[in-house]
Amino acid sequence: MFRTVEAQVTDASLAPVAAATTDTLPRTTELKETLRSVGTALFDRAREAGAVRHDLAAADLVPLMCGIAYAATVQGGAPTDRIDTAHRYLTTLLEGLRATPQRA
């Protein structure tokens, strides 16, 4: 996920290609389907292991990751600054906003 947001904030062509409903090249379609399939399998395994909330689906990750990339890009700065910001936002998404874990 960290490499994904890095790519999103440093490669301006990634988001439009990923979001396109049709692709110019069949190879692009193949690659997007492979990424989606592998990502879904990993997400489902994590959810089944109890590492991910059960009310989330793999499809929820795309808008969340796009939101992080957008927010980091809006912050501006040098590419390394945008990457650092994206990493911080992704860490917050993954760990939550609490300063300390909530105890049951």
C-alpha atoms as a PDB file:
ATOM      1  CA  MET A   1       0.000   0.000   0.000  1.00  0.00           C
ATOM      2  CA  PHE A   2       2.885   2.341   0.726  1.00  0.00           C
ATOM      3  CA  ARG A   3       4.364   1.759  -2.735  1.00  0.00           C
ATOM      4  CA  THR A   4       0.949   2.372  -4.269  1.00  0.00           C
ATOM      5  CA  VAL A   5       0.558   5.828  -2.727  1.00  0.00           C
ATOM      6  CA  GLU A   6       4.159   6.624  -3.665  1.00  0.00           C
ATOM      7  CA  ALA A   7       3.372   5.802  -7.279  1.00  0.00           C
ATOM      8  CA  GLN A   8       0.134   7.785  -7.118  1.00  0.00           C
ATOM      9  CA  VAL A   9       1.804  10.981  -5.882  1.00  0.00           C
ATOM     10  CA  THR A  10       4.817  10.777  -8.209  1.00  0.00           C
ATOM     11  CA  ASP A  11       3.267   9.546 -11.477  1.00  0.00           C
ATOM     12  CA  ALA A  12       0.537  11.836 -12.804  1.00  0.00           C
ATOM     13  CA  SER A  13      -0.513   9.277 -15.432  1.00  0.00           C
ATOM     14  CA  LEU A  14      -1.299   6.527 -12.942  1.00  0.00           C
ATOM     15  CA  ALA A  15      -4.660   7.784 -11.648  1.00  0.00           C
ATOM     16  CA  PRO A  16      -6.266   8.435 -15.054  1.00  0.00           C
ATOM     17  CA  VAL A  17      -5.090   5.079 -16.404  1.00  0.00           C
ATOM     18  CA  ALA A  18      -6.257   3.219 -13.303  1.00  0.00           C
ATOM     19  CA  ALA A  19      -9.628   4.992 -13.285  1.00  0.00           C
ATOM     20  CA  ALA A  20     -10.343   4.523 -17.002  1.00  0.00           C
ATOM     21  CA  THR A  21     -13.277   2.223 -17.687  1.00  0.00           C
ATOM     22  CA  THR A  22     -11.765   1.190 -21.030  1.00  0.00           C
ATOM     23  CA  ASP A  23      -8.128   0.778 -21.947  1.00  0.00           C
ATOM     24  CA  THR A  24      -6.347   1.536 -25.198  1.00  0.00           C
ATOM     25  CA  LEU A  25      -4.051  -1.464 -24.886  1.00  0.00           C
ATOM     26  CA  PRO A  26      -5.175  -4.989 -23.991  1.00  0.00           C
ATOM     27  CA  ARG A  27      -2.010  -5.369 -21.879  1.00  0.00           C
ATOM     28  CA  THR A  28      -3.162  -2.477 -19.671  1.00  0.00           C
ATOM     29  CA  THR A  29      -6.452  -4.289 -19.065  1.00  0.00           C
ATOM     30  CA  GLU A  30      -4.575  -7.488 -18.197  1.00  0.00           C
ATOM     31  CA  LEU A  31      -2.303  -5.706 -15.732  1.00  0.00           C
ATOM     32  CA  LYS A  32      -5.201  -3.896 -14.055  1.00  0.00           C
ATOM     33  CA  GLU A  33      -7.141  -7.171 -13.704  1.00  0.00           C
ATOM     34  CA  THR A  34      -4.088  -8.906 -12.224  1.00  0.00           C
ATOM     35  CA  LEU A  35      -3.534  -6.105  -9.700  1.00  0.00           C
ATOM     36  CA  ARG A  36      -7.209  -6.135  -8.747  1.00  0.00           C
ATOM     37  CA  SER A  37      -7.250  -9.925  -8.377  1.00  0.00           C
ATOM     38  CA  VAL A  38      -4.065 -10.107  -6.299  1.00  0.00           C
ATOM     39  CA  GLY A  39      -5.114  -7.117  -4.177  1.00  0.00           C
ATOM     40  CA  THR A  40      -8.520  -8.657  -3.505  1.00  0.00           C
ATOM     41  CA  ALA A  41      -6.999 -12.003  -2.535  1.00  0.00           C
ATOM     42  CA  LEU A  42      -4.557 -10.360  -0.118  1.00  0.00           C
ATOM     43  CA  PHE A  43      -7.274  -8.184   1.374  1.00  0.00           C
ATOM     44  CA  ASP A  44      -9.637 -11.127   1.824  1.00  0.00           C
ATOM     45  CA  ARG A  45      -6.910 -13.172   3.527  1.00  0.00           C
ATOM     46  CA  ALA A  46      -6.170 -10.286   5.893  1.00  0.00           C
ATOM     47  CA  ARG A  47      -9.866  -9.879   6.687  1.00  0.00           C
ATOM     48  CA  GLU A  48     -10.287 -13.620   7.313  1.00  0.00           C
ATOM     49  CA  ALA A  49      -7.261 -13.506   9.652  1.00  0.00           C
ATOM     50  CA  GLY A  50      -8.948 -10.751  11.652  1.00  0.00           C
ATOM     51  CA  ALA A  51      -6.454  -8.064  10.620  1.00  0.00           C
ATOM     52  CA  VAL A  52      -9.044  -6.046   8.667  1.00  0.00           C
ATOM     53  CA  ARG A  53     -12.533  -4.966   9.610  1.00  0.00           C
ATOM     54  CA  HIS A  54     -15.231  -7.351   8.403  1.00  0.00           C
ATOM     55  CA  ASP A  55     -17.453  -4.544   7.126  1.00  0.00           C
ATOM     56  CA  LEU A  56     -14.876  -3.473   4.528  1.00  0.00           C
ATOM     57  CA  ALA A  57     -14.383  -4.910   1.069  1.00  0.00           C
ATOM     58  CA  ALA A  58     -11.324  -4.854  -1.149  1.00  0.00           C
ATOM     59  CA  ALA A  59     -13.152  -2.400  -3.429  1.00  0.00           C
ATOM     60  CA  ASP A  60     -13.175   0.097  -0.531  1.00  0.00           C
ATOM     61  CA  LEU A  61      -9.400   0.396  -0.751  1.00  0.00           C
ATOM     62  CA  VAL A  62      -9.387   2.094  -4.145  1.00  0.00           C
ATOM     63  CA  PRO A  63     -11.278   5.236  -3.074  1.00  0.00           C
ATOM     64  CA  LEU A  64      -9.408   5.347   0.240  1.00  0.00           C
ATOM     65  CA  MET A  65      -6.016   5.136  -1.471  1.00  0.00           C
ATOM     66  CA  CYS A  66      -7.081   7.711  -4.078  1.00  0.00           C
ATOM     67  CA  GLY A  67      -8.173  10.014  -1.279  1.00  0.00           C
ATOM     68  CA  ILE A  68      -4.795   9.724   0.406  1.00  0.00           C
ATOM     69  CA  ALA A  69      -2.959  10.413  -2.846  1.00  0.00           C
ATOM     70  CA  TYR A  70      -5.204  13.378  -3.603  1.00  0.00           C
ATOM     71  CA  ALA A  71      -4.742  14.840  -0.123  1.00  0.00           C
ATOM     72  CA  ALA A  72      -0.963  14.443  -0.307  1.00  0.00           C
ATOM     73  CA  THR A  73      -0.876  16.031  -3.755  1.00  0.00           C
ATOM     74  CA  VAL A  74      -3.005  18.984  -2.613  1.00  0.00           C
ATOM     75  CA  GLN A  75      -0.517  19.600   0.198  1.00  0.00           C
ATOM     76  CA  GLY A  76       2.067  20.162  -2.531  1.00  0.00           C
ATOM     77  CA  GLY A  77       5.777  20.391  -2.032  1.00  0.00           C
ATOM     78  CA  ALA A  78       8.610  18.428  -3.521  1.00  0.00           C
ATOM     79  CA  PRO A  79       7.978  14.808  -4.541  1.00  0.00           C
ATOM     80  CA  THR A  80       9.709  13.545  -1.388  1.00  0.00           C
ATOM     81  CA  ASP A  81       7.474  15.793   0.733  1.00  0.00           C
ATOM     82  CA  ARG A  82       4.366  14.426  -0.989  1.00  0.00           C
ATOM     83  CA  ILE A  83       5.575  10.866  -0.429  1.00  0.00           C
ATOM     84  CA  ASP A  84       6.212  11.568   3.265  1.00  0.00           C
ATOM     85  CA  THR A  85       2.748  13.109   3.580  1.00  0.00           C
ATOM     86  CA  ALA A  86       1.130  10.158   1.793  1.00  0.00           C
ATOM     87  CA  HIS A  87       2.962   7.713   4.088  1.00  0.00           C
ATOM     88  CA  ARG A  88       1.788   9.628   7.164  1.00  0.00           C
ATOM     89  CA  TYR A  89      -1.818   9.670   5.934  1.00  0.00           C
ATOM     90  CA  LEU A  90      -1.716   5.959   5.053  1.00  0.00           C
ATOM     91  CA  THR A  91      -0.256   5.100   8.453  1.00  0.00           C
ATOM     92  CA  THR A  92      -3.084   7.071  10.052  1.00  0.00           C
ATOM     93  CA  LEU A  93      -5.638   5.198   7.954  1.00  0.00           C
ATOM     94  CA  LEU A  94      -4.127   1.853   8.898  1.00  0.00           C
ATOM     95  CA  GLU A  95      -3.644   2.600  12.597  1.00  0.00           C
ATOM     96  CA  GLY A  96      -6.533   4.962  13.269  1.00  0.00           C
ATOM     97  CA  LEU A  97      -6.562   8.389  14.858  1.00  0.00           C
ATOM     98  CA  ARG A  98      -6.181   7.322  18.484  1.00  0.00           C
ATOM     99  CA  ALA A  99      -2.911   8.246  20.169  1.00  0.00           C
ATOM    100  CA  THR A 100      -3.089   5.009  22.129  1.00  0.00           C
ATOM    101  CA  PRO A 101      -5.022   1.816  21.395  1.00  0.00           C
ATOM    102  CA  GLN A 102      -8.457   1.560  22.925  1.00  0.00           C
ATOM    103  CA  ARG A 103      -8.673  -1.124  25.581  1.00  0.00           C
ATOM    104  CA  ALA A 104     -11.620  -3.490  25.637  1.00  0.00           C
END
